[in-house]
Amino acid sequence: MAKQAEPETDPQTAALAFAGLTIEGMLRGRYDDQDGRDIFAKVHGFKLPEQARAVRLYPFFQPLDRNDGPVAKIYGREVIMLGSNNYLGLTRHPRVVQAAQDALSEHGTSLTGSRLLNGTTHLHEKLENRIAEFLGTEAAVVFTTGYQTNLGVISSLVDSRSVAIVDKADHASIYDACRLAEGEMLRFRHNDAQHLDTILRRLDKKKTCLVVIDGVFSMGGDIADLPAIVEVCQRHQVRLLIDDAHAIGAIGTGGRGTASHFGMDGKVDLTVGTFSKSFASVGGFVAGSRSVLEWIKHFGRSMVFSASLPPASAAAALASLEVLIEEPELVEAVQRHGETLRSGLNEMGFDTGESQTSIIPVTIGDELATVTFWRDLIECGVYTNPVIFPAVAIGKALLRTSCMATHKDEQIEFVLEQFQTLGRKHGLLP
């Protein structure tokens, strides 16, 4: 694939325009009042992508030539992949690939129906049973995506007499699930069990309640204060759901997630997970008591009204789980690489926030500085994910990095060298 075209306008002028659009243009197109009844009228002022592409500063929807796990190729250039959720590096594992190929040959490309009707196979049930066994729960239910899992689980439980109380830093799928639900949504300060306690004390005693948290937070890489949150939930006799999408395979004994990390197995009512991270596939699941999951299976709209997970994806997830069970050293490897990268960046003077895992944010602050740093890193052979407003607050832009078990030590060292060299070049380091 050819490289992106060189800018046709003066780079400095275009860059300044891009910086202004980053802060103001994204809102102007979405929220300004529009004259007339044309719903498309608001799109005409949205010039950010066009402006950014003109100076090679558009960081999204980047087409990869190839992605082999720890190494990828983009625009003909090989890069160290530091922007993936492929924590165990299993997307190219021979056993996982073969399982998907076998399922494809046996079942075809799709079941073309929902789990409720014609979209359930013995493979789906085998995967559910293995997940439940792995996490020590009565049962598990597989959804087509992790996003749909939160939508179906939360909206089916939080009715008009209920309230969902969520951590302010929870994933967008949790917020969207609460919008789909008929009940009320309240938020507590990030990882602040005391604030959660305050909200619960003020809550109408007639309201049923579901507290929803991430286990590992996808942007900050920090871990939920599960011991304190569980204590609060138990004291107020409310149920707790933990989204362990970024925790399973990455923390806990053998990669069993946040509850295992704290030695609190069995203390969480529902655990949501995904196959699109450590399990090298796509899809999601919820694990918990059998009676609760029976309810979710029949009243979760994203379960009932969506086509089921393709068998090839289910097979890949199952094979990945088996590899994880047989090779728990993969969890130690991803943690070791994360510690090496985080420590190295901290020693240089970069701000990595409260990260405790292989997800390591590097806060730059200014949106333009962040995107130009991202571009130069790619040109030097390192792929990261820029995160700018509105995903984070204005002036809090960052590069999200994440390690894999299959990264090599020398690849992490190369990444650190590039961060140091470019950090000095951009005036981010002394």
Protein backbone atom coordinates (compact mmCIF):
# COMPACT_ATOMS: atom_id res chain seq x y z
CA MET A 1 0.00 0.00 0.00
CA ALA A 2 1.29 3.43 -0.89
CA LYS A 3 2.28 5.90 1.77
CA GLN A 4 -0.05 8.73 2.63
CA ALA A 5 0.22 11.70 0.32
CA GLU A 6 2.40 14.60 1.40
CA PRO A 7 0.50 17.70 2.53
CA GLU A 8 -0.39 20.17 -0.17
CA THR A 9 -0.75 23.13 2.20
CA ASP A 10 1.75 24.78 4.51
CA PRO A 11 2.21 22.29 7.38
CA GLN A 12 2.36 24.90 10.12
CA THR A 13 -0.81 26.64 8.96
CA ALA A 14 -2.69 23.39 8.58
CA ALA A 15 -1.42 22.10 11.93
CA LEU A 16 -2.66 25.19 13.72
CA ALA A 17 -6.04 24.82 12.05
CA PHE A 18 -6.11 21.17 13.10
CA ALA A 19 -5.39 22.10 16.72
CA GLY A 20 -8.30 24.52 16.72
CA LEU A 21 -10.64 21.99 15.17
CA THR A 22 -9.66 19.35 17.67
CA ILE A 23 -10.96 21.44 20.51
CA GLU A 24 -13.82 23.33 18.91
CA GLY A 25 -14.77 21.75 15.60
CA MET A 26 -15.79 18.37 16.95
CA LEU A 27 -18.43 19.99 19.14
CA ARG A 28 -19.52 22.61 16.64
CA GLY A 29 -20.63 20.02 14.11
CA ARG A 30 -22.51 17.91 16.64
CA TYR A 31 -24.17 20.31 19.01
CA ASP A 32 -24.75 23.69 17.35
CA ASP A 33 -28.36 24.50 16.52
CA GLN A 34 -29.16 24.04 12.87
CA ASP A 35 -31.66 25.96 10.79
CA GLY A 36 -34.29 24.00 8.94
CA ARG A 37 -35.20 20.32 9.12
CA ASP A 38 -32.25 18.75 7.30
CA ILE A 39 -30.68 16.33 9.77
CA PHE A 40 -27.52 16.29 7.65
CA ALA A 41 -26.97 20.04 8.04
CA LYS A 42 -24.76 19.56 11.09
CA VAL A 43 -22.20 17.49 9.21
CA HIS A 44 -21.03 20.27 6.92
CA GLY A 45 -18.95 22.02 9.57
CA PHE A 46 -17.14 18.84 10.57
CA LYS A 47 -13.79 19.37 8.80
CA LEU A 48 -11.42 17.76 11.29
CA PRO A 49 -10.69 14.50 9.42
CA GLU A 50 -10.15 16.28 6.10
CA GLN A 51 -7.87 18.89 7.67
CA ALA A 52 -5.87 16.33 9.63
CA ARG A 53 -5.39 14.02 6.64
CA ALA A 54 -3.94 16.92 4.67
CA VAL A 55 -0.95 17.08 7.04
CA ARG A 56 -0.75 13.36 7.87
CA LEU A 57 -2.08 13.97 11.38
CA TYR A 58 -5.25 11.92 11.21
CA PRO A 59 -4.70 9.04 13.65
CA PHE A 60 -7.89 7.03 13.26
CA PHE A 61 -9.09 4.24 10.95
CA GLN A 62 -5.50 3.53 9.94
CA PRO A 63 -5.48 0.57 7.52
CA LEU A 64 -2.89 -2.05 8.44
CA ASP A 65 -1.21 -4.05 5.71
CA ARG A 66 -0.74 -6.93 8.13
CA ASN A 67 -0.88 -7.58 11.87
CA ASP A 68 1.17 -10.47 13.19
CA GLY A 69 0.71 -9.67 16.87
CA PRO A 70 3.78 -7.99 18.35
CA VAL A 71 4.78 -6.73 14.90
CA ALA A 72 2.56 -5.15 12.25
CA LYS A 73 3.01 -3.47 8.88
CA ILE A 74 1.39 -0.14 7.99
CA TYR A 75 1.93 1.76 4.75
CA GLY A 76 4.73 -0.65 3.89
CA ARG A 77 6.58 0.08 7.16
CA GLU A 78 7.14 -2.55 9.85
CA VAL A 79 6.25 -1.36 13.36
CA ILE A 80 6.24 -2.74 16.88
CA MET A 81 2.54 -3.10 17.70
CA LEU A 82 1.98 -1.32 21.00
CA GLY A 83 -1.63 -0.39 20.30
CA SER A 84 -3.42 -3.74 20.48
CA ASN A 85 -5.53 -5.52 23.10
CA ASN A 86 -4.06 -8.85 22.00
CA TYR A 87 -2.56 -9.25 25.47
CA LEU A 88 -1.55 -12.91 25.20
CA GLY A 89 -0.55 -12.62 21.54
CA LEU A 90 -2.73 -15.56 20.53
CA THR A 91 -4.22 -14.26 17.28
CA ARG A 92 -1.49 -16.10 15.34
CA HIS A 93 -1.17 -19.10 17.66
CA PRO A 94 -1.28 -22.24 15.45
CA ARG A 95 -3.75 -23.99 17.72
CA VAL A 96 -6.14 -21.03 17.71
CA VAL A 97 -5.95 -20.55 13.95
CA GLN A 98 -6.50 -24.27 13.33
CA ALA A 99 -9.53 -24.35 15.64
CA ALA A 100 -11.12 -21.49 13.73
CA GLN A 101 -10.40 -23.14 10.39
CA ASP A 102 -11.89 -26.45 11.55
CA ALA A 103 -15.05 -24.74 12.80
CA LEU A 104 -15.36 -22.82 9.56
CA SER A 105 -15.21 -26.04 7.57
CA GLU A 106 -17.74 -27.79 9.81
CA HIS A 107 -20.27 -25.01 10.45
CA GLY A 108 -19.75 -22.48 7.65
CA THR A 109 -19.36 -18.75 8.00
CA SER A 110 -22.48 -17.92 10.03
CA LEU A 111 -25.55 -19.36 11.71
CA THR A 112 -27.67 -16.43 10.43
CA GLY A 113 -29.92 -16.33 13.46
CA SER A 114 -30.09 -15.42 17.14
CA ARG A 115 -29.05 -17.68 19.99
CA LEU A 116 -32.72 -17.85 21.00
CA LEU A 117 -33.83 -19.44 17.74
CA ASN A 118 -31.31 -21.19 15.50
CA GLY A 119 -27.98 -19.68 16.51
CA THR A 120 -26.86 -22.02 19.30
CA THR A 121 -24.54 -24.97 18.66
CA HIS A 122 -22.87 -27.46 20.96
CA LEU A 123 -19.70 -25.43 20.41
CA HIS A 124 -21.31 -22.38 22.02
CA GLU A 125 -22.41 -24.46 24.97
CA LYS A 126 -18.98 -26.05 25.32
CA LEU A 127 -17.40 -22.61 25.39
CA GLU A 128 -19.87 -21.43 28.03
CA ASN A 129 -19.23 -24.45 30.23
CA ARG A 130 -15.47 -24.02 29.95
CA ILE A 131 -15.68 -20.33 30.89
CA ALA A 132 -17.82 -21.13 33.93
CA GLU A 133 -15.37 -23.82 34.98
CA PHE A 134 -12.41 -21.46 34.48
CA LEU A 135 -13.98 -18.71 36.60
CA GLY A 136 -15.61 -20.99 39.16
CA THR A 137 -19.19 -19.89 38.48
CA GLU A 138 -22.38 -21.90 38.00
CA ALA A 139 -22.81 -20.89 34.39
CA ALA A 140 -21.81 -18.53 31.59
CA VAL A 141 -23.61 -17.13 28.55
CA VAL A 142 -21.90 -16.11 25.30
CA PHE A 143 -22.92 -12.98 23.36
CA THR A 144 -21.91 -11.86 19.87
CA THR A 145 -19.70 -9.00 21.13
CA GLY A 146 -18.45 -7.75 24.46
CA TYR A 147 -20.30 -4.49 23.87
CA GLN A 148 -23.56 -6.35 23.40
CA THR A 149 -22.90 -8.33 26.56
CA ASN A 150 -23.05 -5.22 28.72
CA LEU A 151 -26.07 -3.95 26.81
CA GLY A 152 -28.00 -7.17 27.29
CA VAL A 153 -27.02 -7.91 30.87
CA ILE A 154 -27.50 -4.44 32.36
CA SER A 155 -30.64 -3.48 30.45
CA SER A 156 -32.34 -6.76 31.32
CA LEU A 157 -31.74 -6.31 35.05
CA VAL A 158 -32.11 -2.56 35.61
CA ASP A 159 -35.84 -1.93 35.24
CA SER A 160 -37.95 1.12 36.14
CA ARG A 161 -37.73 0.28 39.85
CA SER A 162 -33.94 -0.05 39.74
CA VAL A 163 -30.81 2.04 39.64
CA ALA A 164 -27.40 1.31 38.12
CA ILE A 165 -24.48 2.94 39.93
CA VAL A 166 -21.38 3.10 37.74
CA ASP A 167 -17.78 4.21 38.12
CA LYS A 168 -17.25 7.46 36.21
CA ALA A 169 -14.41 5.83 34.25
CA ASP A 170 -16.42 2.78 33.17
CA HIS A 171 -16.40 1.70 29.53
CA ALA A 172 -18.79 3.34 27.05
CA SER A 173 -20.72 0.08 26.64
CA ILE A 174 -21.73 0.29 30.30
CA TYR A 175 -23.01 3.83 29.88
CA ASP A 176 -24.90 2.86 26.74
CA ALA A 177 -26.39 -0.14 28.52
CA CYS A 178 -27.67 2.16 31.26
CA ARG A 179 -29.26 4.38 28.62
CA LEU A 180 -31.02 1.35 27.15
CA ALA A 181 -32.21 0.25 30.58
CA GLU A 182 -35.45 1.63 31.98
CA GLY A 183 -33.95 2.44 35.35
CA GLU A 184 -31.95 5.35 36.70
CA MET A 185 -28.16 5.73 36.38
CA LEU A 186 -25.94 7.32 39.03
CA ARG A 187 -22.15 7.75 38.96
CA PHE A 188 -19.53 7.61 41.69
CA ARG A 189 -16.05 9.10 41.57
CA HIS A 190 -13.48 6.90 39.91
CA ASN A 191 -12.40 4.04 42.16
CA ASP A 192 -13.82 5.81 45.21
CA ALA A 193 -15.61 3.28 47.42
CA GLN A 194 -16.36 5.94 50.02
CA HIS A 195 -18.28 8.00 47.45
CA LEU A 196 -20.13 4.84 46.36
CA ASP A 197 -21.08 4.31 50.00
CA THR A 198 -22.40 7.88 50.22
CA ILE A 199 -24.60 7.37 47.14
CA LEU A 200 -25.97 4.08 48.45
CA ARG A 201 -26.79 5.58 51.85
CA ARG A 202 -28.85 8.27 50.15
CA LEU A 203 -30.60 5.87 47.79
CA ASP A 204 -34.31 5.14 48.16
CA LYS A 205 -34.56 1.83 50.05
CA LYS A 206 -37.28 0.69 47.68
CA LYS A 207 -34.89 0.81 44.72
CA THR A 208 -33.09 -2.34 43.68
CA CYS A 209 -29.51 -1.64 42.69
CA LEU A 210 -26.71 -2.92 40.47
CA VAL A 211 -23.21 -1.51 40.94
CA VAL A 212 -21.15 -1.75 37.75
CA ILE A 213 -17.37 -1.33 37.57
CA ASP A 214 -14.49 -2.14 35.26
CA GLY A 215 -11.91 -4.52 36.70
CA VAL A 216 -8.99 -3.05 34.76
CA PHE A 217 -9.77 0.36 33.32
CA SER A 218 -9.12 0.38 29.60
CA MET A 219 -7.50 3.82 29.34
CA GLY A 220 -5.71 4.23 32.66
CA GLY A 221 -4.57 0.65 33.13
CA ASP A 222 -5.42 0.89 36.84
CA ILE A 223 -7.23 -1.82 38.78
CA ALA A 224 -10.53 -1.38 40.61
CA ASP A 225 -10.38 -1.19 44.40
CA LEU A 226 -12.39 -4.38 44.55
CA PRO A 227 -11.96 -5.18 48.27
CA ALA A 228 -13.38 -1.81 49.31
CA ILE A 229 -16.15 -1.84 46.71
CA VAL A 230 -17.24 -5.38 47.62
CA GLU A 231 -17.39 -4.41 51.29
CA VAL A 232 -19.64 -1.45 50.49
CA CYS A 233 -21.90 -3.53 48.25
CA GLN A 234 -22.27 -6.28 50.84
CA ARG A 235 -23.01 -3.80 53.61
CA HIS A 236 -25.79 -2.23 51.55
CA GLN A 237 -26.96 -5.61 50.20
CA VAL A 238 -26.67 -4.64 46.53
CA ARG A 239 -25.35 -6.66 43.61
CA LEU A 240 -22.03 -6.10 41.86
CA LEU A 241 -21.14 -6.58 38.18
CA ILE A 242 -17.50 -6.35 37.13
CA ASP A 243 -16.46 -5.90 33.51
CA ASP A 244 -13.20 -7.83 33.30
CA ALA A 245 -12.64 -7.35 29.56
CA HIS A 246 -9.10 -6.03 30.14
CA ALA A 247 -8.38 -8.14 33.21
CA ILE A 248 -9.02 -11.76 32.19
CA GLY A 249 -5.83 -13.16 30.73
CA ALA A 250 -3.83 -10.24 32.13
CA ILE A 251 -4.12 -10.37 35.93
CA GLY A 252 -5.11 -12.88 38.60
CA THR A 253 -4.09 -16.50 39.07
CA GLY A 254 -3.70 -18.00 35.62
CA GLY A 255 -5.31 -14.86 34.16
CA ARG A 256 -8.63 -15.28 35.99
CA GLY A 257 -9.14 -11.56 36.42
CA THR A 258 -9.70 -8.99 39.11
CA ALA A 259 -11.44 -11.08 41.77
CA SER A 260 -8.65 -13.63 41.54
CA HIS A 261 -6.04 -10.85 41.67
CA PHE A 262 -7.36 -9.84 45.09
CA GLY A 263 -8.07 -13.38 46.30
CA MET A 264 -11.80 -12.62 46.22
CA ASP A 265 -13.12 -15.41 44.01
CA GLY A 266 -16.86 -15.81 44.47
CA LYS A 267 -17.33 -12.28 45.86
CA VAL A 268 -18.60 -10.77 42.59
CA ASP A 269 -22.15 -11.47 41.45
CA LEU A 270 -21.62 -11.16 37.69
CA THR A 271 -18.43 -11.10 35.63
CA VAL A 272 -18.51 -9.79 32.07
CA GLY A 273 -15.68 -10.55 29.68
CA THR A 274 -14.77 -10.38 26.04
CA PHE A 275 -13.00 -12.56 23.50
CA SER A 276 -11.56 -9.61 21.60
CA LYS A 277 -8.62 -9.12 23.96
CA SER A 278 -6.80 -12.07 25.51
CA PHE A 279 -8.93 -14.65 23.71
CA ALA A 280 -7.89 -13.66 20.18
CA SER A 281 -11.37 -13.58 18.72
CA VAL A 282 -14.56 -11.52 18.94
CA GLY A 283 -17.54 -11.95 21.22
CA GLY A 284 -18.35 -11.63 24.89
CA PHE A 285 -19.74 -13.46 27.89
CA VAL A 286 -21.28 -13.05 31.31
CA ALA A 287 -20.61 -15.53 34.12
CA GLY A 288 -22.57 -15.95 37.33
CA SER A 289 -25.45 -17.86 38.88
CA ARG A 290 -27.49 -20.05 36.56
CA SER A 291 -30.84 -18.55 37.53
CA VAL A 292 -29.70 -14.98 36.81
CA LEU A 293 -28.24 -16.00 33.46
CA GLU A 294 -31.47 -17.74 32.48
CA TRP A 295 -33.23 -14.40 32.98
CA ILE A 296 -30.61 -12.57 30.92
CA LYS A 297 -30.84 -15.12 28.10
CA HIS A 298 -34.55 -14.48 27.72
CA PHE A 299 -34.73 -10.73 28.38
CA GLY A 300 -31.39 -9.38 27.16
CA ARG A 301 -32.35 -7.57 23.96
CA SER A 302 -28.87 -7.76 22.44
CA MET A 303 -29.00 -11.54 22.93
CA VAL A 304 -32.52 -12.11 21.63
CA PHE A 305 -32.34 -9.76 18.64
CA SER A 306 -28.77 -10.32 17.37
CA ALA A 307 -27.28 -13.05 15.22
CA SER A 308 -25.15 -15.40 17.28
CA LEU A 309 -21.38 -15.53 17.49
CA PRO A 310 -20.03 -17.31 14.37
CA PRO A 311 -18.75 -20.79 15.22
CA ALA A 312 -15.24 -19.97 13.96
CA SER A 313 -15.05 -17.12 16.45
CA ALA A 314 -16.35 -19.34 19.25
CA ALA A 315 -13.79 -22.00 18.38
CA ALA A 316 -10.94 -19.49 18.38
CA ALA A 317 -12.01 -18.20 21.79
CA LEU A 318 -12.26 -21.72 23.20
CA ALA A 319 -8.84 -22.68 21.86
CA SER A 320 -7.36 -19.47 23.32
CA LEU A 321 -8.84 -20.30 26.71
CA GLU A 322 -7.34 -23.78 26.56
CA VAL A 323 -3.93 -22.32 25.67
CA LEU A 324 -4.18 -19.91 28.60
CA ILE A 325 -5.04 -22.74 31.00
CA GLU A 326 -2.13 -24.83 29.76
CA GLU A 327 0.36 -21.95 29.50
CA PRO A 328 -0.20 -19.64 32.51
CA GLU A 329 3.31 -18.31 32.00
CA LEU A 330 1.80 -16.11 29.27
CA VAL A 331 0.17 -14.04 32.02
CA GLU A 332 3.53 -13.60 33.74
CA ALA A 333 5.09 -12.54 30.45
CA VAL A 334 2.57 -9.81 29.69
CA GLN A 335 2.89 -8.49 33.25
CA ARG A 336 6.69 -8.50 33.04
CA HIS A 337 6.72 -6.58 29.75
CA GLY A 338 4.22 -4.10 31.15
CA GLU A 339 6.36 -3.48 34.20
CA THR A 340 9.48 -3.00 32.05
CA LEU A 341 7.77 -0.49 29.77
CA ARG A 342 6.03 1.40 32.57
CA SER A 343 9.18 1.64 34.70
CA GLY A 344 11.25 2.77 31.74
CA LEU A 345 8.79 5.48 30.75
CA ASN A 346 8.51 6.70 34.34
CA GLU A 347 12.27 6.89 34.73
CA MET A 348 12.45 9.08 31.63
CA GLY A 349 9.89 11.44 33.11
CA PHE A 350 6.73 10.49 31.22
CA ASP A 351 3.42 10.55 33.09
CA THR A 352 1.87 7.06 33.10
CA GLY A 353 -0.85 7.88 35.61
CA GLU A 354 -2.06 5.12 37.94
CA SER A 355 -1.31 2.23 35.59
CA GLN A 356 -0.75 -1.12 37.32
CA THR A 357 -1.07 -3.39 34.30
CA SER A 358 0.20 -3.88 30.76
CA ILE A 359 -2.04 -0.97 29.70
CA ILE A 360 0.16 2.10 30.03
CA PRO A 361 -1.12 5.59 29.19
CA VAL A 362 1.45 8.25 28.36
CA THR A 363 -0.16 11.62 29.03
CA ILE A 364 1.07 14.37 26.71
CA GLY A 365 -1.68 16.94 27.35
CA ASP A 366 -1.92 19.05 24.23
CA GLU A 367 -3.92 17.44 21.41
CA LEU A 368 -1.65 18.57 18.58
CA ALA A 369 1.50 17.55 20.45
CA THR A 370 -0.01 14.14 21.10
CA VAL A 371 -0.92 13.48 17.48
CA THR A 372 2.41 14.69 16.11
CA PHE A 373 4.20 12.48 18.64
CA TRP A 374 2.03 9.54 17.52
CA ARG A 375 2.93 10.21 13.87
CA ASP A 376 6.66 10.41 14.55
CA LEU A 377 6.56 7.21 16.60
CA ILE A 378 5.02 5.35 13.67
CA GLU A 379 7.69 6.71 11.35
CA CYS A 380 10.29 5.41 13.82
CA GLY A 381 8.66 1.98 14.00
CA VAL A 382 6.31 2.12 17.02
CA TYR A 383 2.50 1.92 16.76
CA THR A 384 0.50 3.49 19.61
CA ASN A 385 -3.06 4.74 20.04
CA PRO A 386 -3.62 8.50 20.41
CA VAL A 387 -6.55 9.35 22.66
CA ILE A 388 -7.88 12.89 22.36
CA PHE A 389 -11.01 14.87 23.21
CA PRO A 390 -13.82 13.86 23.59
CA ALA A 391 -12.50 10.47 24.77
CA VAL A 392 -10.51 12.38 27.40
CA ALA A 393 -10.84 15.92 28.71
CA ILE A 394 -9.44 18.80 26.67
CA GLY A 395 -5.76 19.20 27.49
CA LYS A 396 -5.46 15.62 28.79
CA ALA A 397 -4.62 13.87 25.51
CA LEU A 398 -2.52 10.74 25.79
CA LEU A 399 -0.97 7.83 23.95
CA ARG A 400 -2.40 4.50 25.04
CA THR A 401 0.15 1.72 24.90
CA SER A 402 -0.23 -1.94 25.79
CA CYS A 403 2.14 -4.90 25.88
CA MET A 404 1.71 -8.49 24.76
CA ALA A 405 3.06 -11.70 26.19
CA THR A 406 4.68 -12.38 22.81
CA HIS A 407 6.69 -9.16 22.69
CA LYS A 408 10.41 -9.78 22.94
CA ASP A 409 12.59 -8.01 25.47
CA GLU A 410 14.54 -6.30 22.71
CA GLN A 411 11.30 -4.97 21.20
CA ILE A 412 10.35 -3.31 24.48
CA GLU A 413 13.84 -1.82 24.71
CA PHE A 414 13.52 -0.50 21.15
CA VAL A 415 10.21 1.13 22.07
CA LEU A 416 11.78 2.81 25.09
CA GLU A 417 14.64 4.12 22.97
CA GLN A 418 12.21 5.70 20.52
CA PHE A 419 10.15 7.29 23.28
CA GLN A 420 13.25 8.81 24.79
CA THR A 421 14.66 10.10 21.50
CA LEU A 422 11.37 11.57 20.32
CA GLY A 423 10.44 12.80 23.78
CA ARG A 424 13.54 14.97 23.78
CA LYS A 425 12.99 16.06 20.19
CA HIS A 426 9.43 17.19 20.99
CA GLY A 427 10.47 18.94 24.18
CA LEU A 428 8.57 16.52 26.38
CA LEU A 429 11.69 15.31 28.19
CA PRO A 430 14.77 17.18 29.45
